[in-house]
């Protein structure tokens, strides 16, 4: 169980999600996807589409795409109010 982030090297949206997870000290596994959409079978299997980033949170039963939605979910689910992170 845990969190898996499907991401593409050099993708600024993926980097934003990974950075926030790191800031919150959240452990996660990275799955690096292929640059070509047509070869992103692993992310297609878990999310039904080939775009990244995709976050899979097995503990909460959540699979989602789009960096803004992922960041909102992470904030709601994992950030502690009143605790600043850098």
N, C-alpha and C. Protein backbone atom coordinates (compact mmCIF):
# COMPACT_ATOMS: atom_id res chain seq x y z
N UNK A 1 0.85 -1.19 0.00
CA UNK A 1 0.00 0.00 0.00
C UNK A 1 0.88 1.24 0.00
N UNK A 2 0.29 2.37 -0.34
CA UNK A 2 1.03 3.60 -0.33
C UNK A 2 0.69 4.48 -1.52
N UNK A 3 1.60 5.38 -1.82
CA UNK A 3 1.38 6.36 -2.88
C UNK A 3 2.36 6.10 -4.01
N UNK A 4 1.86 6.18 -5.22
CA UNK A 4 2.69 6.06 -6.42
C UNK A 4 2.42 7.27 -7.29
N UNK A 5 3.49 7.88 -7.77
CA UNK A 5 3.38 9.02 -8.68
C UNK A 5 3.96 8.62 -10.02
N UNK A 6 3.10 8.63 -11.03
CA UNK A 6 3.54 8.38 -12.40
C UNK A 6 3.94 9.73 -12.98
N UNK A 7 5.18 9.79 -13.46
CA UNK A 7 5.69 11.06 -13.92
C UNK A 7 6.65 10.90 -15.09
N UNK A 8 6.93 12.02 -15.72
CA UNK A 8 7.80 12.08 -16.89
C UNK A 8 8.94 13.03 -16.57
N UNK A 9 10.15 12.60 -16.83
CA UNK A 9 11.30 13.45 -16.58
C UNK A 9 11.19 14.75 -17.37
N UNK A 10 11.44 15.87 -16.68
CA UNK A 10 11.38 17.18 -17.32
C UNK A 10 9.99 17.78 -17.38
N UNK A 11 8.99 17.10 -16.88
CA UNK A 11 7.61 17.61 -16.89
C UNK A 11 7.43 18.54 -15.69
N UNK A 12 7.17 19.84 -15.94
CA UNK A 12 7.05 20.78 -14.81
C UNK A 12 5.85 20.49 -13.92
N UNK A 13 4.79 19.93 -14.46
CA UNK A 13 3.61 19.60 -13.66
C UNK A 13 3.92 18.43 -12.73
N UNK A 14 4.65 17.46 -13.25
CA UNK A 14 5.08 16.32 -12.44
C UNK A 14 6.02 16.78 -11.33
N UNK A 15 6.94 17.67 -11.69
CA UNK A 15 7.90 18.17 -10.71
C UNK A 15 7.21 18.94 -9.59
N UNK A 16 6.17 19.69 -9.92
CA UNK A 16 5.44 20.44 -8.89
C UNK A 16 4.80 19.49 -7.88
N UNK A 17 4.22 18.41 -8.36
CA UNK A 17 3.60 17.43 -7.46
C UNK A 17 4.67 16.74 -6.62
N UNK A 18 5.75 16.30 -7.25
CA UNK A 18 6.82 15.62 -6.52
C UNK A 18 7.43 16.53 -5.46
N UNK A 19 7.63 17.79 -5.79
CA UNK A 19 8.19 18.74 -4.83
C UNK A 19 7.28 18.91 -3.63
N UNK A 20 5.98 18.99 -3.87
CA UNK A 20 5.04 19.16 -2.74
C UNK A 20 5.01 17.91 -1.87
N UNK A 21 5.03 16.76 -2.48
CA UNK A 21 5.08 15.53 -1.69
C UNK A 21 6.35 15.50 -0.84
N UNK A 22 7.47 15.91 -1.42
CA UNK A 22 8.73 15.96 -0.68
C UNK A 22 8.66 16.98 0.46
N UNK A 23 8.09 18.16 0.20
CA UNK A 23 7.97 19.19 1.24
C UNK A 23 7.16 18.70 2.42
N UNK A 24 6.15 17.90 2.15
CA UNK A 24 5.30 17.37 3.22
C UNK A 24 5.86 16.08 3.82
N UNK A 25 7.02 15.67 3.33
CA UNK A 25 7.69 14.47 3.82
C UNK A 25 6.80 13.23 3.66
N UNK A 26 6.15 13.16 2.52
CA UNK A 26 5.28 12.03 2.20
C UNK A 26 6.09 11.02 1.38
N UNK A 27 6.11 9.80 1.84
CA UNK A 27 6.81 8.75 1.10
C UNK A 27 5.96 8.33 -0.09
N UNK A 28 6.62 8.16 -1.24
CA UNK A 28 5.92 7.72 -2.44
C UNK A 28 6.91 7.03 -3.37
N UNK A 29 6.37 6.20 -4.22
CA UNK A 29 7.16 5.55 -5.26
C UNK A 29 6.95 6.30 -6.55
N UNK A 30 8.02 6.46 -7.31
CA UNK A 30 7.94 7.09 -8.63
C UNK A 30 7.95 6.02 -9.70
N UNK A 31 7.07 6.17 -10.66
CA UNK A 31 7.10 5.36 -11.86
C UNK A 31 7.35 6.32 -13.01
N UNK A 32 8.50 6.18 -13.64
CA UNK A 32 8.88 7.06 -14.73
C UNK A 32 8.31 6.50 -16.02
N UNK A 33 7.52 7.32 -16.71
CA UNK A 33 6.85 6.87 -17.92
C UNK A 33 7.65 7.25 -19.16
N UNK A 34 7.29 6.63 -20.25
CA UNK A 34 7.94 6.89 -21.54
C UNK A 34 7.55 8.26 -22.07
N UNK A 35 8.47 8.92 -22.78
CA UNK A 35 8.15 10.24 -23.34
C UNK A 35 7.00 10.20 -24.36
N UNK A 36 6.91 9.13 -25.12
CA UNK A 36 5.85 9.04 -26.14
C UNK A 36 4.54 8.58 -25.52
N UNK A 37 3.48 9.35 -25.77
CA UNK A 37 2.16 8.98 -25.24
C UNK A 37 1.79 7.54 -25.58
N UNK A 38 2.06 7.15 -26.79
CA UNK A 38 1.63 5.82 -27.26
C UNK A 38 2.33 4.68 -26.52
N UNK A 39 3.38 4.98 -25.77
CA UNK A 39 4.11 3.94 -25.05
C UNK A 39 3.86 3.97 -23.54
N UNK A 40 2.93 4.77 -23.11
CA UNK A 40 2.66 4.90 -21.66
C UNK A 40 1.60 3.91 -21.20
N UNK A 41 1.87 2.65 -21.43
CA UNK A 41 0.89 1.62 -21.09
C UNK A 41 0.68 1.48 -19.58
N UNK A 42 1.72 1.66 -18.79
CA UNK A 42 1.59 1.50 -17.33
C UNK A 42 0.62 2.52 -16.76
N UNK A 43 0.75 3.77 -17.17
CA UNK A 43 -0.15 4.80 -16.65
C UNK A 43 -1.56 4.62 -17.21
N UNK A 44 -1.66 4.14 -18.43
CA UNK A 44 -2.98 3.87 -19.04
C UNK A 44 -3.72 2.80 -18.24
N UNK A 45 -2.98 1.77 -17.81
CA UNK A 45 -3.62 0.69 -17.04
C UNK A 45 -4.21 1.18 -15.73
N UNK A 46 -3.54 2.10 -15.05
CA UNK A 46 -4.02 2.52 -13.73
C UNK A 46 -5.01 3.67 -13.80
N UNK A 47 -4.93 4.51 -14.85
CA UNK A 47 -5.76 5.72 -14.85
C UNK A 47 -6.72 5.83 -16.03
N UNK A 48 -6.57 4.97 -17.03
CA UNK A 48 -7.45 5.03 -18.18
C UNK A 48 -7.05 6.08 -19.20
N UNK A 49 -5.95 6.76 -18.97
CA UNK A 49 -5.45 7.77 -19.92
C UNK A 49 -3.93 7.76 -19.88
N UNK A 50 -3.29 8.51 -20.75
CA UNK A 50 -1.84 8.44 -20.87
C UNK A 50 -1.11 9.70 -20.42
N UNK A 51 -1.84 10.70 -19.94
CA UNK A 51 -1.21 11.93 -19.48
C UNK A 51 -0.61 11.77 -18.09
N UNK A 52 0.36 12.61 -17.78
CA UNK A 52 0.97 12.62 -16.45
C UNK A 52 1.00 14.06 -15.95
N UNK A 53 1.05 14.26 -14.65
CA UNK A 53 1.22 13.26 -13.60
C UNK A 53 -0.08 12.53 -13.28
N UNK A 54 0.09 11.36 -12.71
CA UNK A 54 -1.02 10.58 -12.15
C UNK A 54 -0.58 10.14 -10.77
N UNK A 55 -1.45 10.35 -9.80
CA UNK A 55 -1.18 9.93 -8.42
C UNK A 55 -2.12 8.80 -8.07
N UNK A 56 -1.57 7.73 -7.51
CA UNK A 56 -2.36 6.62 -7.00
C UNK A 56 -2.10 6.54 -5.51
N UNK A 57 -3.15 6.75 -4.72
CA UNK A 57 -3.07 6.64 -3.26
C UNK A 57 -3.88 5.42 -2.87
N UNK A 58 -3.20 4.30 -2.72
CA UNK A 58 -3.88 3.04 -2.43
C UNK A 58 -4.57 3.07 -1.07
N UNK A 59 -3.99 3.76 -0.09
CA UNK A 59 -4.57 3.80 1.25
C UNK A 59 -5.93 4.50 1.25
N UNK A 60 -6.09 5.48 0.37
CA UNK A 60 -7.34 6.23 0.31
C UNK A 60 -8.21 5.84 -0.88
N UNK A 61 -7.76 4.89 -1.67
CA UNK A 61 -8.53 4.41 -2.81
C UNK A 61 -8.72 5.47 -3.89
N UNK A 62 -7.68 6.27 -4.13
CA UNK A 62 -7.78 7.39 -5.06
C UNK A 62 -6.76 7.23 -6.18
N UNK A 63 -7.22 7.44 -7.41
CA UNK A 63 -6.36 7.56 -8.57
C UNK A 63 -6.79 8.81 -9.29
N UNK A 64 -5.85 9.73 -9.53
CA UNK A 64 -6.23 10.98 -10.19
C UNK A 64 -5.11 11.53 -11.05
N UNK A 65 -5.53 12.29 -12.05
CA UNK A 65 -4.62 12.96 -12.96
C UNK A 65 -4.78 14.47 -12.77
N UNK A 66 -3.98 15.23 -13.49
CA UNK A 66 -3.96 16.69 -13.50
C UNK A 66 -3.33 17.24 -12.21
N UNK A 67 -2.25 17.94 -12.41
CA UNK A 67 -1.44 18.41 -11.28
C UNK A 67 -2.22 19.27 -10.29
N UNK A 68 -3.07 20.17 -10.77
CA UNK A 68 -3.83 21.03 -9.84
C UNK A 68 -4.74 20.20 -8.95
N UNK A 69 -5.44 19.24 -9.52
CA UNK A 69 -6.31 18.37 -8.72
C UNK A 69 -5.49 17.55 -7.73
N UNK A 70 -4.35 17.05 -8.18
CA UNK A 70 -3.49 16.25 -7.29
C UNK A 70 -3.00 17.10 -6.13
N UNK A 71 -2.54 18.31 -6.42
CA UNK A 71 -2.04 19.19 -5.36
C UNK A 71 -3.15 19.54 -4.37
N UNK A 72 -4.35 19.79 -4.84
CA UNK A 72 -5.48 20.06 -3.94
C UNK A 72 -5.75 18.85 -3.05
N UNK A 73 -5.74 17.66 -3.63
CA UNK A 73 -5.96 16.44 -2.87
C UNK A 73 -4.88 16.26 -1.80
N UNK A 74 -3.63 16.47 -2.18
CA UNK A 74 -2.52 16.32 -1.24
C UNK A 74 -2.67 17.30 -0.08
N UNK A 75 -3.01 18.55 -0.40
CA UNK A 75 -3.19 19.55 0.66
C UNK A 75 -4.32 19.15 1.61
N UNK A 76 -5.46 18.75 1.05
CA UNK A 76 -6.60 18.36 1.88
C UNK A 76 -6.30 17.13 2.72
N UNK A 77 -5.57 16.19 2.14
CA UNK A 77 -5.38 14.89 2.79
C UNK A 77 -4.17 14.80 3.69
N UNK A 78 -3.12 15.58 3.40
CA UNK A 78 -1.86 15.36 4.09
C UNK A 78 -1.26 16.58 4.78
N UNK A 79 -1.57 17.79 4.32
CA UNK A 79 -0.98 18.97 4.95
C UNK A 79 -1.63 19.19 6.30
N UNK A 80 -0.82 19.54 7.28
CA UNK A 80 -1.34 19.82 8.62
C UNK A 80 -1.52 21.33 8.76
N UNK A 81 -2.72 21.75 9.12
CA UNK A 81 -2.96 23.20 9.28
C UNK A 81 -2.00 23.80 10.30
N UNK A 82 -1.49 24.97 9.98
CA UNK A 82 -0.62 25.68 10.89
C UNK A 82 0.82 25.24 10.87
N UNK A 83 1.14 24.23 10.05
CA UNK A 83 2.51 23.76 9.96
C UNK A 83 3.08 24.21 8.64
N UNK A 84 4.08 25.07 8.70
CA UNK A 84 4.74 25.59 7.51
C UNK A 84 5.78 24.58 7.04
N UNK A 85 5.90 24.45 5.72
CA UNK A 85 6.96 23.62 5.16
C UNK A 85 7.71 24.45 4.14
N UNK A 86 8.96 24.09 3.93
CA UNK A 86 9.75 24.82 2.95
C UNK A 86 10.23 23.90 1.87
